N, C-alpha and C. Protein backbone atom coordinates (compact mmCIF):
# COMPACT_ATOMS: atom_id res chain seq x y z
N MET A 1 -2.20 13.16 18.71
CA MET A 1 -2.69 11.98 18.03
C MET A 1 -1.62 11.50 17.05
N ILE A 2 -1.39 10.22 17.03
CA ILE A 2 -0.47 9.62 16.07
C ILE A 2 -1.32 9.16 14.89
N LEU A 3 -0.86 9.47 13.71
CA LEU A 3 -1.64 9.21 12.51
C LEU A 3 -0.79 8.48 11.48
N ILE A 4 -1.43 7.58 10.75
CA ILE A 4 -0.79 6.96 9.60
C ILE A 4 -1.76 7.06 8.42
N ALA A 5 -1.24 7.53 7.29
CA ALA A 5 -2.03 7.59 6.07
C ALA A 5 -1.44 6.59 5.09
N LEU A 6 -2.32 5.84 4.43
CA LEU A 6 -1.87 4.78 3.53
C LEU A 6 -2.50 4.89 2.16
N ASP A 7 -1.71 4.55 1.16
CA ASP A 7 -2.18 4.39 -0.22
C ASP A 7 -2.07 2.89 -0.50
N PRO A 8 -3.15 2.12 -0.23
CA PRO A 8 -3.06 0.66 -0.29
C PRO A 8 -3.04 0.11 -1.71
N GLY A 9 -2.30 -0.98 -1.88
CA GLY A 9 -2.25 -1.64 -3.17
C GLY A 9 -1.16 -2.68 -3.20
N VAL A 10 -0.80 -3.10 -4.39
CA VAL A 10 0.30 -4.05 -4.57
C VAL A 10 1.56 -3.44 -3.94
N ILE A 11 1.76 -2.16 -4.18
CA ILE A 11 2.78 -1.38 -3.49
C ILE A 11 2.01 -0.42 -2.60
N THR A 12 2.27 -0.47 -1.32
CA THR A 12 1.55 0.38 -0.37
C THR A 12 2.48 1.47 0.14
N GLY A 13 2.11 2.72 -0.11
CA GLY A 13 2.86 3.85 0.42
C GLY A 13 2.21 4.29 1.72
N TYR A 14 3.03 4.77 2.65
CA TYR A 14 2.46 5.27 3.90
C TYR A 14 3.33 6.36 4.48
N ILE A 15 2.71 7.18 5.31
CA ILE A 15 3.41 8.26 6.00
C ILE A 15 2.83 8.35 7.40
N THR A 16 3.68 8.59 8.38
CA THR A 16 3.21 8.74 9.76
C THR A 16 3.37 10.19 10.18
N ALA A 17 2.49 10.64 11.07
CA ALA A 17 2.54 12.03 11.54
C ALA A 17 2.07 12.11 12.98
N ASP A 18 2.60 13.10 13.69
CA ASP A 18 2.10 13.46 15.01
C ASP A 18 1.26 14.69 14.79
N THR A 19 -0.06 14.57 14.89
CA THR A 19 -0.94 15.68 14.55
C THR A 19 -1.20 16.60 15.73
N THR A 20 -0.55 16.34 16.86
CA THR A 20 -0.69 17.25 17.99
C THR A 20 -0.16 18.63 17.61
N ASP A 21 1.03 18.64 17.01
CA ASP A 21 1.60 19.91 16.57
C ASP A 21 1.77 19.95 15.05
N GLY A 22 1.33 18.90 14.37
CA GLY A 22 1.38 18.88 12.92
C GLY A 22 2.72 18.50 12.32
N GLU A 23 3.70 18.26 13.15
CA GLU A 23 5.02 17.90 12.63
C GLU A 23 5.06 16.43 12.26
N LEU A 24 5.72 16.13 11.18
CA LEU A 24 5.86 14.74 10.77
C LEU A 24 6.90 14.06 11.65
N LEU A 25 6.58 12.89 12.16
CA LEU A 25 7.55 12.13 12.95
C LEU A 25 8.62 11.53 12.04
N LYS A 26 8.17 10.83 11.04
CA LYS A 26 9.06 10.23 10.07
C LYS A 26 8.22 9.79 8.89
N THR A 27 8.85 9.56 7.79
CA THR A 27 8.12 9.08 6.63
C THR A 27 8.65 7.71 6.25
N HIS A 28 7.76 6.92 5.72
CA HIS A 28 8.12 5.56 5.31
C HIS A 28 7.55 5.29 3.94
N TYR A 29 8.21 4.45 3.26
CA TYR A 29 7.69 3.96 1.99
C TYR A 29 7.90 2.46 2.01
N HIS A 30 6.84 1.73 1.79
CA HIS A 30 6.96 0.27 1.78
C HIS A 30 6.59 -0.24 0.39
N ALA A 31 7.53 -0.87 -0.25
CA ALA A 31 7.27 -1.47 -1.55
C ALA A 31 7.80 -2.89 -1.52
N GLY A 32 6.91 -3.84 -1.32
CA GLY A 32 7.33 -5.23 -1.28
C GLY A 32 7.66 -5.75 -2.67
N ILE A 33 8.62 -6.65 -2.74
CA ILE A 33 8.95 -7.23 -4.04
C ILE A 33 8.01 -8.38 -4.38
N ILE A 34 7.25 -8.82 -3.41
CA ILE A 34 6.24 -9.85 -3.66
C ILE A 34 4.91 -9.14 -3.87
N GLU A 35 4.37 -9.23 -5.07
CA GLU A 35 3.16 -8.49 -5.39
C GLU A 35 1.94 -9.03 -4.66
N TYR A 36 1.82 -10.32 -4.58
CA TYR A 36 0.70 -10.94 -3.89
C TYR A 36 1.25 -11.93 -2.90
N GLY A 37 0.53 -12.15 -1.84
CA GLY A 37 0.94 -13.19 -0.91
C GLY A 37 1.05 -12.69 0.51
N GLN A 38 1.32 -13.59 1.39
CA GLN A 38 1.31 -13.32 2.82
C GLN A 38 2.41 -12.36 3.26
N VAL A 39 3.56 -12.34 2.61
CA VAL A 39 4.67 -11.51 3.06
C VAL A 39 4.29 -10.02 3.02
N HIS A 40 3.68 -9.58 1.94
CA HIS A 40 3.27 -8.17 1.83
C HIS A 40 2.24 -7.83 2.89
N LYS A 41 1.28 -8.71 3.09
CA LYS A 41 0.23 -8.45 4.06
C LYS A 41 0.78 -8.42 5.48
N GLU A 42 1.72 -9.30 5.80
CA GLU A 42 2.34 -9.27 7.13
C GLU A 42 3.13 -7.99 7.33
N ALA A 43 3.76 -7.49 6.28
CA ALA A 43 4.52 -6.25 6.38
C ALA A 43 3.59 -5.08 6.69
N ILE A 44 2.42 -5.04 6.07
CA ILE A 44 1.44 -3.98 6.34
C ILE A 44 1.02 -4.02 7.81
N TRP A 45 0.70 -5.22 8.30
CA TRP A 45 0.29 -5.39 9.71
C TRP A 45 1.41 -4.93 10.63
N GLU A 46 2.65 -5.27 10.30
CA GLU A 46 3.79 -4.92 11.15
C GLU A 46 3.98 -3.40 11.21
N VAL A 47 3.84 -2.71 10.10
CA VAL A 47 3.94 -1.25 10.09
C VAL A 47 2.86 -0.65 10.99
N LEU A 48 1.63 -1.13 10.86
CA LEU A 48 0.54 -0.63 11.70
C LEU A 48 0.82 -0.91 13.18
N ARG A 49 1.35 -2.08 13.47
CA ARG A 49 1.66 -2.44 14.86
C ARG A 49 2.72 -1.51 15.44
N GLU A 50 3.76 -1.21 14.66
CA GLU A 50 4.82 -0.31 15.13
C GLU A 50 4.27 1.09 15.42
N ILE A 51 3.41 1.59 14.55
CA ILE A 51 2.84 2.93 14.75
C ILE A 51 1.91 2.92 15.95
N ASP A 52 1.13 1.85 16.12
CA ASP A 52 0.24 1.74 17.28
C ASP A 52 1.06 1.70 18.57
N GLN A 53 2.20 1.02 18.54
CA GLN A 53 3.09 0.97 19.72
C GLN A 53 3.61 2.36 20.05
N LYS A 54 3.96 3.15 19.04
CA LYS A 54 4.42 4.52 19.26
C LYS A 54 3.31 5.34 19.90
N ALA A 55 2.08 5.18 19.43
CA ALA A 55 0.94 5.89 20.02
C ALA A 55 0.79 5.50 21.49
N TYR A 56 0.94 4.21 21.79
CA TYR A 56 0.82 3.72 23.16
C TYR A 56 1.91 4.33 24.04
N GLU A 57 3.15 4.39 23.53
CA GLU A 57 4.27 4.95 24.29
C GLU A 57 4.03 6.41 24.64
N PHE A 58 3.36 7.14 23.74
CA PHE A 58 3.07 8.55 23.98
C PHE A 58 1.71 8.75 24.63
N SER A 59 1.08 7.67 25.09
CA SER A 59 -0.27 7.72 25.66
C SER A 59 -1.20 8.48 24.73
N ASP A 60 -1.13 8.12 23.48
CA ASP A 60 -1.87 8.83 22.46
C ASP A 60 -2.79 7.87 21.71
N HIS A 61 -3.59 8.42 20.83
CA HIS A 61 -4.56 7.64 20.07
C HIS A 61 -4.08 7.48 18.63
N LEU A 62 -4.33 6.32 18.05
CA LEU A 62 -3.95 6.06 16.68
C LEU A 62 -5.11 6.38 15.74
N THR A 63 -4.80 7.17 14.72
CA THR A 63 -5.76 7.48 13.67
C THR A 63 -5.20 6.96 12.36
N ILE A 64 -6.04 6.28 11.59
CA ILE A 64 -5.63 5.71 10.31
C ILE A 64 -6.47 6.33 9.21
N ILE A 65 -5.79 6.77 8.16
CA ILE A 65 -6.45 7.29 6.96
C ILE A 65 -6.03 6.38 5.82
N HIS A 66 -6.98 5.96 5.02
CA HIS A 66 -6.59 5.16 3.85
C HIS A 66 -7.47 5.50 2.66
N GLU A 67 -6.91 5.22 1.51
CA GLU A 67 -7.64 5.42 0.26
C GLU A 67 -8.64 4.30 0.07
N SER A 68 -9.82 4.64 -0.40
CA SER A 68 -10.84 3.63 -0.66
C SER A 68 -10.57 2.92 -1.98
N PHE A 69 -11.24 1.81 -2.16
CA PHE A 69 -11.16 1.09 -3.43
C PHE A 69 -12.32 1.54 -4.30
N GLU A 70 -12.01 1.87 -5.54
CA GLU A 70 -13.04 2.28 -6.48
C GLU A 70 -12.96 1.38 -7.71
N TYR A 71 -14.05 0.67 -7.95
CA TYR A 71 -14.12 -0.17 -9.15
C TYR A 71 -14.36 0.74 -10.36
N ARG A 72 -13.57 0.57 -11.37
CA ARG A 72 -13.69 1.38 -12.59
C ARG A 72 -14.18 0.48 -13.72
N ARG A 73 -15.37 0.73 -14.17
CA ARG A 73 -16.01 -0.12 -15.19
C ARG A 73 -15.24 -0.18 -16.49
N HIS A 74 -14.54 0.89 -16.84
CA HIS A 74 -13.85 0.93 -18.13
C HIS A 74 -12.62 0.02 -18.18
N LYS A 75 -12.18 -0.46 -17.04
CA LYS A 75 -11.04 -1.38 -17.03
C LYS A 75 -11.52 -2.81 -17.22
N THR A 76 -10.77 -3.56 -18.01
CA THR A 76 -11.18 -4.94 -18.28
C THR A 76 -10.76 -5.89 -17.17
N HIS A 77 -9.80 -5.49 -16.36
CA HIS A 77 -9.31 -6.36 -15.30
C HIS A 77 -9.18 -5.54 -14.02
N ALA A 78 -9.85 -5.94 -12.97
CA ALA A 78 -9.76 -5.23 -11.70
C ALA A 78 -8.73 -5.91 -10.81
N ASN A 79 -7.73 -5.16 -10.36
CA ASN A 79 -6.75 -5.66 -9.41
C ASN A 79 -7.36 -5.49 -8.02
N LEU A 80 -7.59 -6.60 -7.34
CA LEU A 80 -8.25 -6.56 -6.04
C LEU A 80 -7.27 -6.55 -4.86
N GLU A 81 -5.98 -6.45 -5.12
CA GLU A 81 -5.01 -6.39 -4.03
C GLU A 81 -5.30 -5.23 -3.07
N PRO A 82 -5.68 -4.04 -3.56
CA PRO A 82 -6.01 -2.97 -2.61
C PRO A 82 -7.15 -3.34 -1.66
N VAL A 83 -8.11 -4.12 -2.12
CA VAL A 83 -9.22 -4.55 -1.26
C VAL A 83 -8.69 -5.41 -0.12
N LYS A 84 -7.75 -6.30 -0.41
CA LYS A 84 -7.15 -7.15 0.62
C LYS A 84 -6.39 -6.30 1.64
N VAL A 85 -5.61 -5.34 1.16
CA VAL A 85 -4.84 -4.47 2.05
C VAL A 85 -5.78 -3.63 2.91
N ILE A 86 -6.86 -3.11 2.32
CA ILE A 86 -7.85 -2.33 3.07
C ILE A 86 -8.47 -3.20 4.16
N GLY A 87 -8.73 -4.46 3.86
CA GLY A 87 -9.27 -5.38 4.86
C GLY A 87 -8.32 -5.52 6.05
N ILE A 88 -7.03 -5.62 5.78
CA ILE A 88 -6.02 -5.71 6.85
C ILE A 88 -6.04 -4.43 7.69
N ILE A 89 -6.06 -3.29 7.01
CA ILE A 89 -6.07 -2.00 7.70
C ILE A 89 -7.30 -1.87 8.59
N GLU A 90 -8.46 -2.20 8.06
CA GLU A 90 -9.70 -2.04 8.83
C GLU A 90 -9.79 -3.03 9.98
N GLU A 91 -9.29 -4.24 9.79
CA GLU A 91 -9.28 -5.21 10.89
C GLU A 91 -8.32 -4.78 11.99
N PHE A 92 -7.17 -4.26 11.60
CA PHE A 92 -6.21 -3.74 12.59
C PHE A 92 -6.87 -2.62 13.39
N ALA A 93 -7.54 -1.70 12.71
CA ALA A 93 -8.20 -0.58 13.39
C ALA A 93 -9.25 -1.10 14.37
N ARG A 94 -10.01 -2.11 13.95
CA ARG A 94 -11.04 -2.68 14.82
C ARG A 94 -10.42 -3.29 16.07
N GLN A 95 -9.38 -4.09 15.90
CA GLN A 95 -8.75 -4.78 17.02
C GLN A 95 -8.04 -3.83 17.98
N HIS A 96 -7.60 -2.67 17.49
CA HIS A 96 -6.80 -1.75 18.31
C HIS A 96 -7.54 -0.45 18.62
N ASN A 97 -8.85 -0.44 18.38
CA ASN A 97 -9.68 0.74 18.68
C ASN A 97 -9.13 2.02 18.07
N ALA A 98 -8.59 1.93 16.89
CA ALA A 98 -8.08 3.11 16.18
C ALA A 98 -9.24 3.79 15.46
N THR A 99 -9.13 5.08 15.31
CA THR A 99 -10.09 5.84 14.52
C THR A 99 -9.67 5.71 13.06
N ILE A 100 -10.64 5.46 12.18
CA ILE A 100 -10.30 5.25 10.77
C ILE A 100 -11.11 6.20 9.88
N TYR A 101 -10.43 6.75 8.89
CA TYR A 101 -11.05 7.62 7.89
C TYR A 101 -10.72 7.08 6.52
N THR A 102 -11.69 7.10 5.64
CA THR A 102 -11.51 6.65 4.26
C THR A 102 -11.69 7.85 3.34
N GLN A 103 -10.79 7.97 2.37
CA GLN A 103 -10.86 9.06 1.41
C GLN A 103 -10.78 8.48 0.00
N THR A 104 -11.32 9.20 -0.96
CA THR A 104 -11.26 8.73 -2.34
C THR A 104 -9.86 8.94 -2.90
N ALA A 105 -9.58 8.26 -3.99
CA ALA A 105 -8.27 8.40 -4.63
C ALA A 105 -8.01 9.84 -5.03
N SER A 106 -9.02 10.52 -5.52
CA SER A 106 -8.82 11.90 -5.97
C SER A 106 -8.50 12.85 -4.82
N GLN A 107 -8.94 12.54 -3.61
CA GLN A 107 -8.64 13.41 -2.48
C GLN A 107 -7.16 13.37 -2.10
N GLY A 108 -6.51 12.25 -2.32
CA GLY A 108 -5.10 12.15 -1.97
C GLY A 108 -4.15 12.24 -3.13
N LYS A 109 -4.69 12.27 -4.34
CA LYS A 109 -3.84 12.23 -5.54
C LYS A 109 -2.97 13.47 -5.63
N ILE A 110 -1.69 13.25 -5.89
CA ILE A 110 -0.74 14.33 -6.11
C ILE A 110 -0.54 14.44 -7.61
N SER A 111 -0.81 15.63 -8.13
CA SER A 111 -0.68 15.81 -9.58
C SER A 111 0.40 16.84 -9.88
N SER A 112 0.66 17.03 -11.14
CA SER A 112 1.68 17.98 -11.53
C SER A 112 1.20 19.42 -11.39
N GLY A 113 -0.10 19.65 -11.25
CA GLY A 113 -0.52 21.03 -11.14
C GLY A 113 -1.93 21.28 -10.69
N SER A 114 -2.87 20.38 -10.96
CA SER A 114 -4.28 20.69 -10.71
C SER A 114 -4.70 20.53 -9.25
N ALA A 115 -4.11 19.63 -8.49
CA ALA A 115 -4.48 19.43 -7.10
C ALA A 115 -3.85 20.51 -6.23
N TYR A 116 -4.46 20.81 -5.08
CA TYR A 116 -3.88 21.82 -4.20
C TYR A 116 -2.47 21.38 -3.76
N PHE A 117 -2.36 20.15 -3.29
CA PHE A 117 -1.04 19.65 -2.90
C PHE A 117 -0.43 18.96 -4.12
N ASN A 118 0.27 19.74 -4.90
CA ASN A 118 0.89 19.27 -6.12
C ASN A 118 2.39 19.09 -5.91
N GLU A 119 3.10 18.80 -6.97
CA GLU A 119 4.54 18.54 -6.90
C GLU A 119 5.30 19.71 -6.26
N VAL A 120 4.98 20.92 -6.66
CA VAL A 120 5.68 22.10 -6.14
C VAL A 120 5.49 22.23 -4.63
N ARG A 121 4.24 22.08 -4.16
CA ARG A 121 3.96 22.23 -2.73
C ARG A 121 4.58 21.09 -1.91
N LEU A 122 4.51 19.86 -2.43
CA LEU A 122 5.12 18.75 -1.69
C LEU A 122 6.63 18.93 -1.58
N LYS A 123 7.25 19.43 -2.62
CA LYS A 123 8.69 19.70 -2.56
C LYS A 123 9.00 20.76 -1.51
N LYS A 124 8.19 21.81 -1.43
CA LYS A 124 8.39 22.85 -0.42
C LYS A 124 8.24 22.30 1.00
N LEU A 125 7.34 21.33 1.17
CA LEU A 125 7.09 20.73 2.47
C LEU A 125 8.07 19.60 2.81
N GLY A 126 8.92 19.25 1.85
CA GLY A 126 9.86 18.15 2.07
C GLY A 126 9.21 16.78 2.00
N LEU A 127 8.08 16.70 1.31
CA LEU A 127 7.33 15.44 1.21
C LEU A 127 7.30 14.87 -0.20
N TRP A 128 8.22 15.30 -1.03
CA TRP A 128 8.30 14.78 -2.39
C TRP A 128 9.29 13.62 -2.38
N PHE A 129 8.81 12.41 -2.57
CA PHE A 129 9.65 11.23 -2.54
C PHE A 129 9.89 10.79 -3.98
N THR A 130 11.04 11.15 -4.50
CA THR A 130 11.37 10.86 -5.90
C THR A 130 11.26 9.36 -6.17
N GLY A 131 10.49 9.03 -7.20
CA GLY A 131 10.33 7.63 -7.59
C GLY A 131 9.35 6.84 -6.75
N HIS A 132 8.72 7.48 -5.77
CA HIS A 132 7.82 6.75 -4.87
C HIS A 132 6.42 7.38 -4.90
N VAL A 133 5.73 7.15 -5.98
CA VAL A 133 4.41 7.76 -6.19
C VAL A 133 3.42 7.37 -5.09
N HIS A 134 3.50 6.17 -4.57
CA HIS A 134 2.54 5.73 -3.54
C HIS A 134 2.80 6.42 -2.20
N ALA A 135 4.05 6.68 -1.88
CA ALA A 135 4.37 7.44 -0.66
C ALA A 135 3.88 8.88 -0.81
N ARG A 136 4.02 9.44 -2.01
CA ARG A 136 3.53 10.80 -2.25
C ARG A 136 2.00 10.85 -2.13
N ASP A 137 1.32 9.84 -2.65
CA ASP A 137 -0.14 9.80 -2.52
C ASP A 137 -0.57 9.65 -1.06
N ALA A 138 0.18 8.87 -0.27
CA ALA A 138 -0.11 8.76 1.16
C ALA A 138 0.06 10.12 1.83
N ALA A 139 1.12 10.85 1.46
CA ALA A 139 1.32 12.21 1.98
C ALA A 139 0.15 13.10 1.57
N GLY A 140 -0.32 12.93 0.34
CA GLY A 140 -1.48 13.69 -0.13
C GLY A 140 -2.72 13.41 0.70
N HIS A 141 -2.92 12.15 1.09
CA HIS A 141 -4.07 11.80 1.93
C HIS A 141 -3.95 12.44 3.31
N TYR A 142 -2.74 12.40 3.87
CA TYR A 142 -2.52 13.05 5.17
C TYR A 142 -2.82 14.55 5.08
N LEU A 143 -2.26 15.21 4.07
CA LEU A 143 -2.43 16.66 3.94
C LEU A 143 -3.89 17.03 3.66
N TYR A 144 -4.57 16.26 2.82
CA TYR A 144 -5.99 16.53 2.55
C TYR A 144 -6.80 16.41 3.84
N TRP A 145 -6.58 15.31 4.59
CA TRP A 145 -7.29 15.08 5.85
C TRP A 145 -7.05 16.25 6.80
N LYS A 146 -5.80 16.68 6.93
CA LYS A 146 -5.42 17.71 7.89
C LYS A 146 -5.97 19.09 7.53
N TYR A 147 -5.97 19.45 6.25
CA TYR A 147 -6.32 20.82 5.86
C TYR A 147 -7.69 20.99 5.21
N PHE A 148 -8.27 19.89 4.70
CA PHE A 148 -9.56 20.00 4.02
C PHE A 148 -10.58 18.97 4.51
N GLY A 149 -10.13 17.91 5.15
CA GLY A 149 -11.01 16.81 5.52
C GLY A 149 -11.37 16.81 7.00
N ALA A 150 -11.57 15.62 7.54
CA ALA A 150 -12.05 15.44 8.92
C ALA A 150 -11.08 15.97 9.96
N GLY A 151 -9.79 16.09 9.64
CA GLY A 151 -8.81 16.58 10.60
C GLY A 151 -8.67 18.09 10.62
N LYS A 152 -9.40 18.79 9.79
CA LYS A 152 -9.27 20.25 9.69
C LYS A 152 -9.67 20.91 11.00
N ARG A 153 -8.82 21.82 11.46
CA ARG A 153 -9.08 22.59 12.67
C ARG A 153 -9.45 24.03 12.26
N PRO A 154 -10.40 24.64 12.98
CA PRO A 154 -10.78 26.02 12.66
C PRO A 154 -9.56 26.95 12.71
N GLY A 155 -9.46 27.77 11.69
CA GLY A 155 -8.38 28.76 11.64
C GLY A 155 -7.05 28.25 11.11
N VAL A 156 -6.93 26.96 10.89
CA VAL A 156 -5.68 26.40 10.36
C VAL A 156 -5.75 26.43 8.85
N ARG A 157 -4.79 27.09 8.25
CA ARG A 157 -4.77 27.22 6.78
C ARG A 157 -3.69 26.32 6.21
N PRO A 158 -3.89 25.84 4.99
CA PRO A 158 -2.87 25.00 4.35
C PRO A 158 -1.58 25.79 4.15
N PRO A 159 -0.44 25.12 4.27
CA PRO A 159 0.83 25.79 4.04
C PRO A 159 1.04 26.07 2.55
N CYS A 160 2.00 26.88 2.27
CA CYS A 160 2.42 27.21 0.89
C CYS A 160 1.42 28.13 0.23
């Protein structure tokens, strides 16, 4: 199965993986210089299209994992850009019959120490992207899904 995990927002981080053997195909980080507007949204669609094409070439299925949007009452201003990006992701999944999983921000969050997949473990796995917090969070979503979430296989233990 070809998988893409995304941390949607003004800056969207993503990582792709081949979950047949668990090896990462390649990692990507997308940070558009246009915070709002059609260019960023077209770039998200293009990344999804490229990954879907790779799944097609391997006669495989595309699985998409993304972080959900959580409204936080204590904030005075809600940035709704993640909602727009999530809409693009979910529409792409619908049109291309991809399997989609949604996880909370805390499930994919990479922290300095409290989360299972923290800075030390991501560095050991080669998934620490210096200066790219959103790519790291996307990696966190992939790893959570694979070892603790819907992608968990019996007998497979988290690395490190």
